[in-house]
Protein backbone atom coordinates (compact mmCIF):
# COMPACT_ATOMS: atom_id res chain seq x y z
CA MET A 1 54.85 -20.84 25.37
CA ALA A 2 52.85 -23.47 23.65
CA LYS A 3 54.89 -26.19 22.02
CA LYS A 4 55.53 -25.66 18.40
CA GLN A 5 53.07 -27.46 16.08
CA GLU A 6 53.52 -28.49 12.51
CA THR A 7 54.82 -25.71 10.26
CA ASN A 8 51.54 -25.30 8.38
CA ASN A 9 49.84 -24.61 11.71
CA GLY A 10 52.22 -21.80 12.56
CA LEU A 11 49.75 -18.99 11.77
CA GLN A 12 47.06 -20.68 13.87
CA GLU A 13 49.51 -20.91 16.74
CA LEU A 14 50.44 -17.24 16.39
CA LYS A 15 46.80 -16.20 16.39
CA ARG A 16 46.18 -18.25 19.50
CA ASP A 17 49.14 -16.68 21.25
CA LEU A 18 47.85 -13.20 20.38
CA ASN A 19 44.24 -13.97 21.40
CA GLN A 20 45.41 -15.40 24.71
CA LYS A 21 47.87 -12.53 25.18
CA ALA A 22 50.55 -15.12 25.78
CA PRO A 23 53.17 -14.54 23.02
CA GLY A 24 55.88 -17.12 22.51
CA ARG A 25 59.59 -16.50 22.79
CA LEU A 26 60.71 -17.27 19.22
CA TYR A 27 59.06 -16.80 15.86
CA PHE A 28 60.15 -17.03 12.22
CA PHE A 29 57.97 -14.94 9.84
CA TYR A 30 58.20 -15.58 6.07
CA GLY A 31 56.07 -15.94 2.94
CA GLU A 32 54.89 -14.02 -0.08
CA GLU A 33 52.05 -12.12 1.61
CA VAL A 34 54.12 -9.36 3.17
CA PHE A 35 51.04 -7.38 4.16
CA LEU A 36 50.07 -10.13 6.61
CA LEU A 37 53.61 -10.40 7.92
CA HIS A 38 53.58 -6.74 8.85
CA HIS A 39 50.08 -6.94 10.20
CA TYR A 40 50.90 -9.64 12.72
CA LEU A 41 54.28 -8.12 13.55
CA ASP A 42 52.39 -4.91 14.42
CA ARG A 43 49.91 -6.86 16.54
CA LEU A 44 52.82 -8.37 18.46
CA GLN A 45 54.35 -4.97 18.98
CA LYS A 46 51.09 -3.48 20.29
CA LEU A 47 50.61 -6.41 22.60
CA LEU A 48 54.12 -6.40 24.04
CA LEU A 49 55.12 -2.78 24.20
CA GLU A 50 53.85 0.39 25.81
CA PRO A 51 54.24 3.66 23.82
CA LEU A 52 56.03 5.44 26.63
CA THR A 53 58.68 2.78 27.11
CA GLU A 54 58.85 1.33 23.60
CA SER A 55 62.16 2.99 22.77
CA PHE A 56 63.78 1.15 25.70
CA ASN A 57 62.24 -2.30 25.11
CA PHE A 58 62.08 -2.60 21.31
CA HIS A 59 65.27 -3.61 19.50
CA LYS A 60 65.72 -4.16 15.72
CA LEU A 61 68.64 -5.71 13.92
CA THR A 62 69.09 -6.04 10.18
CA ALA A 63 71.44 -8.00 7.92
CA GLU A 64 73.56 -4.85 7.54
CA ASP A 65 74.24 -4.36 11.20
CA PHE A 66 73.70 -7.85 12.59
CA ALA A 67 76.18 -9.34 15.06
CA LEU A 68 75.55 -12.38 17.14
CA GLN A 69 76.74 -10.63 20.33
CA SER A 70 74.44 -7.67 19.65
CA LEU A 71 71.51 -10.08 19.45
CA MET A 72 72.45 -11.82 22.69
CA ASP A 73 72.87 -8.44 24.45
CA ALA A 74 69.44 -7.30 23.24
CA VAL A 75 67.75 -10.54 24.39
CA GLU A 76 69.44 -10.42 27.82
CA ALA A 77 68.55 -6.76 28.37
CA LEU A 78 65.83 -6.60 31.10
CA PRO A 79 62.66 -4.75 30.23
CA MET A 80 62.57 -1.20 31.53
CA MET A 81 59.38 -0.10 33.35
CA ALA A 82 57.54 -2.88 31.50
CA GLU A 83 57.02 -6.68 31.46
CA HIS A 84 58.27 -7.54 27.96
CA THR A 85 60.91 -6.75 25.37
CA LEU A 86 60.59 -7.40 21.64
CA ILE A 87 63.54 -8.01 19.30
CA VAL A 88 63.01 -8.15 15.51
CA VAL A 89 65.79 -9.44 13.24
CA ASP A 90 65.29 -8.75 9.53
CA GLU A 91 66.71 -10.81 6.67
CA VAL A 92 69.32 -12.75 8.64
CA ASP A 93 69.79 -16.34 7.46
CA VAL A 94 70.73 -18.24 10.64
CA PHE A 95 71.62 -21.38 8.63
CA SER A 96 74.26 -19.51 6.57
CA MET A 97 76.32 -18.63 9.67
CA ASP A 98 79.64 -20.25 10.43
CA GLU A 99 79.70 -23.40 12.57
CA GLY A 100 80.64 -21.65 15.79
CA SER A 101 77.76 -19.19 15.46
CA ARG A 102 75.30 -21.93 14.64
CA GLU A 103 76.33 -23.79 17.78
CA LYS A 104 75.84 -20.72 19.87
CA LEU A 105 72.43 -20.09 18.36
CA THR A 106 71.37 -23.66 19.00
CA GLN A 107 71.94 -23.16 22.71
CA PHE A 108 70.70 -19.58 22.66
CA PHE A 109 67.27 -20.53 21.23
CA SER A 110 66.74 -22.78 24.22
CA ASP A 111 67.53 -20.05 26.75
CA ILE A 112 65.50 -17.09 25.64
CA PRO A 113 64.08 -15.44 28.82
CA GLU A 114 60.37 -15.41 29.46
CA TYR A 115 60.19 -11.61 29.25
CA CYS A 116 61.57 -11.60 25.69
CA THR A 117 60.00 -12.34 22.29
CA LEU A 118 62.36 -12.72 19.39
CA VAL A 119 61.12 -12.54 15.78
CA PHE A 120 63.14 -13.30 12.67
CA THR A 121 61.50 -11.86 9.47
CA TYR A 122 62.21 -12.78 5.86
CA GLU A 123 60.70 -10.53 3.18
CA THR A 124 63.33 -10.60 0.45
CA THR A 125 65.66 -13.29 1.81
CA PRO A 126 64.18 -16.78 1.17
CA TRP A 127 63.44 -18.82 4.25
CA LYS A 128 65.19 -22.09 3.44
CA PRO A 129 66.20 -23.97 6.56
CA ASP A 130 69.17 -26.19 5.95
CA LYS A 131 68.18 -29.36 7.80
CA ARG A 132 71.64 -30.81 7.33
CA TYR A 133 72.53 -28.70 10.36
CA LYS A 134 70.54 -30.99 12.48
CA LYS A 135 71.05 -29.49 15.95
CA LEU A 136 70.17 -25.98 14.82
CA TRP A 137 67.13 -27.15 12.84
CA GLU A 138 65.90 -29.13 15.82
CA ALA A 139 66.24 -26.07 18.03
CA VAL A 140 64.44 -23.89 15.51
CA GLU A 141 61.61 -26.46 15.10
CA LYS A 142 61.26 -27.27 18.80
CA LYS A 143 61.62 -23.82 20.33
CA GLY A 144 60.33 -21.66 17.50
CA CYS A 145 57.03 -21.05 15.73
CA LEU A 146 57.38 -21.03 11.99
CA VAL A 147 54.72 -18.78 10.45
CA GLU A 148 54.25 -18.78 6.68
CA PHE A 149 52.12 -15.95 5.31
CA THR A 150 50.80 -17.29 2.02
CA LYS A 151 48.82 -15.49 -0.64
CA GLN A 152 45.12 -15.68 0.26
CA ASN A 153 42.66 -17.54 -1.94
CA ARG A 154 40.31 -15.58 -4.20
CA ARG A 155 37.24 -15.84 -1.95
CA GLU A 156 39.19 -14.54 1.03
CA LEU A 157 40.67 -11.72 -1.05
CA VAL A 158 37.25 -10.60 -2.42
CA THR A 159 35.85 -10.41 1.13
CA TRP A 160 38.99 -8.52 2.33
CA VAL A 161 38.81 -6.02 -0.60
CA ILE A 162 35.15 -5.33 0.07
CA ARG A 163 35.80 -4.86 3.81
CA HIS A 164 38.60 -2.39 3.19
CA PHE A 165 36.51 -0.31 0.77
CA THR A 166 33.77 -0.31 3.38
CA ALA A 167 36.18 0.99 6.00
CA LEU A 168 36.88 3.93 3.64
CA GLY A 169 33.12 4.64 3.23
CA LYS A 170 32.87 3.05 -0.21
CA TYR A 171 30.93 0.15 -1.67
CA ILE A 172 32.33 -2.25 -4.29
CA SER A 173 30.58 -5.26 -5.75
CA GLN A 174 32.00 -8.79 -5.54
CA GLU A 175 32.45 -8.76 -9.29
CA LEU A 176 34.56 -5.57 -9.31
CA ALA A 177 36.52 -6.71 -6.30
CA GLY A 178 37.39 -9.82 -8.27
CA TYR A 179 38.33 -7.63 -11.26
CA LEU A 180 40.68 -5.58 -9.14
CA ILE A 181 42.35 -8.76 -7.84
CA ASP A 182 42.74 -10.04 -11.40
CA ILE A 183 44.54 -6.99 -12.75
CA THR A 184 46.97 -6.73 -9.83
CA ASP A 185 49.37 -9.40 -8.58
CA GLY A 186 46.73 -10.62 -6.08
CA THR A 187 48.66 -9.69 -2.94
CA MET A 188 47.24 -7.72 -0.07
CA THR A 189 50.25 -5.46 -0.22
CA ALA A 190 49.51 -4.39 -3.78
CA LEU A 191 45.77 -4.31 -3.18
CA ALA A 192 45.95 -2.09 -0.14
CA GLY A 193 47.72 0.63 -2.07
CA GLU A 194 45.27 0.39 -5.02
CA ILE A 195 42.22 0.44 -2.73
CA SER A 196 43.41 3.71 -1.18
CA LYS A 197 44.03 5.27 -4.58
CA ILE A 198 40.63 4.20 -6.03
CA ALA A 199 38.72 5.35 -2.93
CA ALA A 200 40.45 8.76 -3.04
CA TYR A 201 39.76 9.09 -6.81
CA SER A 202 36.12 8.14 -6.79
CA GLY A 203 33.69 10.94 -6.07
CA ALA A 204 30.76 8.55 -5.46
CA GLN A 205 30.03 6.12 -2.70
CA GLU A 206 29.87 3.17 -5.09
CA ILE A 207 33.03 2.14 -6.95
CA VAL A 208 32.55 1.54 -10.71
CA LYS A 209 34.96 -0.09 -13.22
CA SER A 210 36.05 3.25 -14.65
CA ASP A 211 37.32 4.28 -11.20
CA ILE A 212 39.57 1.19 -11.09
CA ASP A 213 40.82 1.58 -14.67
CA ALA A 214 41.58 5.24 -14.17
CA VAL A 215 44.12 4.85 -11.37
CA THR A 216 45.22 1.21 -11.23
CA GLU A 217 48.30 0.10 -13.12
CA PRO A 218 47.77 -3.60 -14.00
CA ALA A 219 50.50 -6.15 -13.28
CA LEU A 220 52.28 -7.54 -16.37
CA ASP A 221 51.18 -11.12 -15.76
CA ALA A 222 47.57 -9.99 -15.18
CA VAL A 223 47.41 -8.21 -18.54
CA VAL A 224 49.03 -11.14 -20.34
CA PHE A 225 46.49 -13.43 -18.76
CA GLN A 226 43.67 -11.11 -20.04
CA MET A 227 45.34 -11.10 -23.47
CA THR A 228 45.37 -14.88 -23.81
CA ASP A 229 41.77 -15.05 -22.49
CA LEU A 230 40.68 -12.61 -25.28
CA LEU A 231 42.56 -14.79 -27.83
CA SER A 232 40.69 -17.87 -26.63
CA ARG A 233 37.45 -16.04 -27.32
CA GLY A 234 38.54 -15.01 -30.80
CA ASP A 235 38.85 -11.32 -29.85
CA PHE A 236 42.07 -10.33 -31.59
CA GLY A 237 41.21 -6.64 -31.38
CA GLY A 238 40.77 -6.84 -27.63
CA ALA A 239 44.03 -8.71 -27.22
CA LEU A 240 45.82 -6.06 -29.33
CA LEU A 241 44.45 -3.31 -27.08
CA LYS A 242 45.89 -5.12 -24.06
CA LEU A 243 49.27 -5.23 -25.77
CA GLU A 244 49.08 -1.50 -26.50
CA GLN A 245 48.27 -0.99 -22.82
CA LEU A 246 51.43 -2.79 -21.82
CA LEU A 247 53.55 -0.77 -24.21
CA LYS A 248 52.04 2.47 -22.91
CA MET A 249 53.01 1.35 -19.43
CA GLN A 250 56.57 1.30 -20.85
CA GLN A 251 56.93 -2.46 -20.38
CA GLU A 252 59.94 -3.71 -22.34
CA PRO A 253 58.82 -5.80 -25.40
CA ILE A 254 61.26 -8.63 -24.40
CA ALA A 255 59.71 -8.69 -20.97
CA ILE A 256 56.24 -8.86 -22.46
CA LEU A 257 57.32 -11.73 -24.71
CA GLY A 258 58.85 -13.54 -21.77
CA ALA A 259 55.63 -13.20 -19.80
CA VAL A 260 53.59 -14.51 -22.77
CA GLY A 261 55.90 -17.49 -23.12
CA ALA A 262 55.85 -18.23 -19.38
CA HIS A 263 52.05 -17.96 -19.28
CA PHE A 264 51.58 -20.44 -22.14
CA ARG A 265 54.05 -22.85 -20.55
CA ARG A 266 52.12 -22.64 -17.28
CA LEU A 267 48.86 -23.29 -19.06
CA SER A 268 50.31 -26.22 -21.03
CA THR A 269 51.67 -27.77 -17.81
CA ALA A 270 48.31 -27.22 -16.13
CA ARG A 271 46.50 -28.92 -19.02
CA ILE A 272 48.82 -31.92 -18.98
CA LEU A 273 48.48 -32.29 -15.19
CA ARG A 274 44.69 -31.86 -15.32
CA ASP A 275 44.34 -34.47 -18.09
CA ASN A 276 46.32 -36.89 -15.93
CA GLY A 277 44.30 -36.33 -12.75
CA LYS A 278 46.84 -34.09 -11.08
CA GLY A 279 46.04 -30.84 -9.31
CA GLU A 280 47.05 -27.59 -7.76
CA GLY A 281 49.87 -28.80 -5.60
CA GLU A 282 51.75 -30.54 -8.36
CA LEU A 283 51.44 -27.44 -10.62
CA MET A 284 52.76 -25.20 -7.81
CA ARG A 285 55.78 -27.51 -7.41
CA LEU A 286 56.59 -27.77 -11.07
CA CYS A 287 56.15 -24.10 -11.94
CA GLY A 288 57.25 -22.54 -8.67
CA ILE A 289 54.09 -20.54 -8.31
CA GLY A 290 51.62 -19.86 -5.53
CA SER A 291 48.19 -21.32 -4.93
CA TYR A 292 46.20 -18.50 -6.55
CA PRO A 293 47.92 -18.47 -10.03
CA ALA A 294 47.96 -22.26 -9.98
CA ARG A 295 44.18 -22.38 -9.50
CA ARG A 296 43.67 -19.78 -12.24
CA ALA A 297 45.85 -21.77 -14.69
CA LEU A 298 43.93 -24.98 -14.02
CA ASP A 299 40.63 -23.18 -14.54
CA GLU A 300 41.73 -21.61 -17.82
CA CYS A 301 43.93 -24.31 -19.38
CA GLY A 302 40.98 -26.07 -21.09
CA LYS A 303 40.28 -23.10 -23.37
CA PHE A 304 42.89 -24.29 -25.87
CA PRO A 305 43.67 -27.83 -27.12
CA ARG A 306 47.05 -29.24 -26.07
CA ARG A 307 48.50 -28.95 -29.57
CA TYR A 308 47.90 -25.22 -29.47
CA TYR A 309 50.30 -24.81 -26.57
CA LYS A 310 53.02 -26.53 -28.51
CA LYS A 311 52.52 -24.19 -31.45
CA ALA A 312 52.34 -21.19 -29.16
CA ALA A 313 55.75 -22.17 -27.70
CA GLU A 314 57.20 -22.38 -31.27
CA LEU A 315 55.84 -18.96 -32.16
CA VAL A 316 57.21 -17.38 -29.00
CA MET A 317 60.68 -18.84 -29.69
CA GLU A 318 60.58 -17.58 -33.30
CA THR A 319 59.63 -14.10 -32.10
CA ASP A 320 62.36 -14.14 -29.52
CA TYR A 321 64.91 -15.02 -32.21
CA GLN A 322 63.64 -12.27 -34.47
CA MET A 323 63.82 -9.68 -31.70
CA LYS A 324 67.41 -10.56 -31.09
CA THR A 325 68.62 -10.87 -34.71
CA SER A 326 66.50 -8.63 -36.99
CA PHE A 327 66.08 -4.90 -37.31
CA ASP A 328 62.34 -5.12 -37.20
CA GLU A 329 60.62 -3.05 -34.48
CA LYS A 330 59.96 -5.16 -31.39
CA PRO A 331 56.41 -3.90 -30.74
CA ARG A 332 55.47 -4.82 -34.35
CA LEU A 333 56.95 -8.33 -33.79
CA LEU A 334 54.73 -8.63 -30.73
CA GLU A 335 51.66 -7.59 -32.77
CA LEU A 336 52.55 -10.18 -35.41
CA LEU A 337 52.87 -12.82 -32.68
CA LEU A 338 49.41 -12.03 -31.38
CA LEU A 339 47.98 -12.21 -34.90
CA ARG A 340 49.54 -15.60 -35.49
CA LEU A 341 48.37 -16.84 -32.09
CA ALA A 342 44.90 -15.63 -32.87
CA GLN A 343 44.95 -17.44 -36.20
CA GLU A 344 46.10 -20.66 -34.53
CA ALA A 345 43.32 -20.31 -31.94
CA LYS A 346 40.73 -19.76 -34.71
CA HIS A 347 41.85 -22.85 -36.54
CA GLY A 348 41.83 -24.95 -33.36
């Protein structure tokens, strides 16, 4: 196995291992793009296992049934009528184990047999190595390949969306592919499902906007982003329609208000950072968001003056207080909030 490179090169190392048909012995898969995680796990499985003997040579452990001895037994089990075994361990935080187990793992990671590939996957459990456990961390870093599957940038996603529609015998323009990305959460996992639905719904070879709108349920943050964009252009009616869309989707008014507040805070932070020569990485760190929403916020934050964001925050807090203390209908309070935000935007 090739020596582990820097963490941000983990995906390149994995691709090289797969292309050379020389998989490593230990991998850690994590990150927000779950679609890619499953894609590369599937590639590993197809490379290492034969269909006829897969049931003998593939072992899976989860947080519910995990035991260290079971893992060791699976790794030490010789492949049956094949050259390799594959063990996948889901959602097990190796750094949260007791001291004795950590010591055993430290040695264990150095002794994985050549015939075995062991993959730890983290979809819902955060991958947060505790480097205070120095010996275990050094074993993970030295013997393992850490592969982070990050959300793809917009250009990559547009190309990917077009390619997947093409595979289904459909054509979609770059503009509409971007629109589909904008109204979903921008992950391949969400997009893959929407692409299948849209392709099945459309009766024509070319996808049009009405096909997307008919079957795609927009993400809350995406609709809130569209709402604020319409406000910046002075289109109160359009913003109100977006609010009605969210309410028809049975989104809770308090959740909508929270998303509006979070969005304006993100834009305000982006504006301050941009005005001070800071960029995407700093915004990602401060707001705990991925690369794609950070870039969007930096692109859009200049549509309002900085004082507008302060006023927007005050209006959101007032509305939150009214929702929790008055008998007024929550949807009406959201409509009033939009009206006041529109008036503030109009007055600059």
